[in-house]
Protein backbone atom coordinates (compact mmCIF):
# COMPACT_ATOMS: atom_id res chain seq x y z
CA MET A 1 98.61 109.91 106.15
CA ARG A 2 96.93 112.45 104.08
CA MET A 3 93.38 110.88 102.83
CA LYS A 4 94.63 111.39 98.89
CA ASP A 5 97.76 109.20 99.83
CA PHE A 6 95.57 106.78 101.58
CA LEU A 7 92.83 106.65 98.49
CA LEU A 8 95.64 106.08 96.16
CA GLY A 9 97.10 103.13 98.45
CA LEU A 10 93.47 101.73 98.20
CA GLU A 11 93.58 101.95 94.39
CA ASP A 12 96.94 100.39 93.99
CA ASP A 13 95.72 97.35 96.13
CA LEU A 14 92.53 97.23 93.96
CA ARG A 15 94.75 97.32 90.95
CA SER A 16 97.12 94.44 91.95
CA ARG A 17 94.51 92.20 92.85
CA GLY A 18 93.98 91.12 89.39
CA ASN A 19 90.41 91.00 87.35
CA TYR A 20 87.20 92.00 88.20
CA CYS A 21 83.48 91.10 86.71
CA CYS A 22 82.46 93.91 84.67
CA TYR A 23 79.19 93.82 85.90
CA CYS A 24 79.07 93.15 89.83
CA LEU A 25 82.79 94.22 90.27
CA GLN A 26 83.71 91.01 92.25
CA PRO A 27 87.13 89.97 92.15
CA GLN A 28 87.72 87.14 89.54
CA ASP A 29 89.80 84.89 92.23
CA GLY A 30 90.02 82.05 89.71
CA LYS A 31 86.32 82.24 88.60
CA ILE A 32 85.68 81.05 85.26
CA SER A 33 82.45 82.90 85.25
CA CYS A 34 80.30 85.31 87.29
CA CYS A 35 76.92 86.73 86.74
CA GLN A 36 76.29 83.97 84.36
CA GLU A 37 78.68 85.92 82.31
CA ASN A 38 82.68 85.39 81.57
CA HIS A 39 83.50 89.09 81.36
CA PHE A 40 86.65 89.90 83.59
CA VAL A 41 88.72 92.76 82.91
CA PRO A 42 91.60 94.61 84.86
CA PHE A 43 90.80 97.68 87.55
CA ASN A 44 91.89 100.12 84.83
CA ASP A 45 89.45 99.09 82.35
CA LEU A 46 86.24 99.17 84.57
CA TYR A 47 84.34 102.57 84.23
CA GLU A 48 85.71 105.19 86.17
CA GLU A 49 82.48 105.71 88.24
CA ASP A 50 83.00 101.80 89.08
CA GLN A 51 86.53 102.38 89.96
CA LYS A 52 85.69 105.15 92.16
CA ALA A 53 82.89 103.46 94.08
CA MET A 54 85.10 100.35 94.52
CA ILE A 55 87.67 102.64 96.10
CA GLN A 56 84.83 104.46 98.30
CA GLU A 57 83.62 101.04 99.36
CA ALA A 58 87.32 99.97 100.45
CA ALA A 59 87.80 103.35 102.30
CA ASP A 60 84.44 102.74 104.04
CA GLU A 61 85.21 99.50 105.39
CA TYR A 62 88.27 100.41 106.81
CA ALA A 63 86.48 103.33 108.53
CA GLN A 64 84.21 100.61 109.91
CA TRP A 65 87.17 98.39 110.68
CA SER A 66 89.25 100.96 112.57
CA LYS A 67 86.44 102.26 114.96
CA THR A 68 86.53 98.78 116.44
CA GLN A 69 90.29 98.86 117.09
């Protein structure tokens, strides 16, 4: 699998998970508030740099996991 396809798959996965806190980028997961605020938005509405950071974090987590397999 090409890296570009892998990263697009991660982006699709993050997009499908629902809303995220605007401040700490954690998934809403049924919470009413986070960071003492109640501002949750879809992945696409996050700042582009936050989206990229979340995708990179997911890729790094996968890389760490794959080293143990």
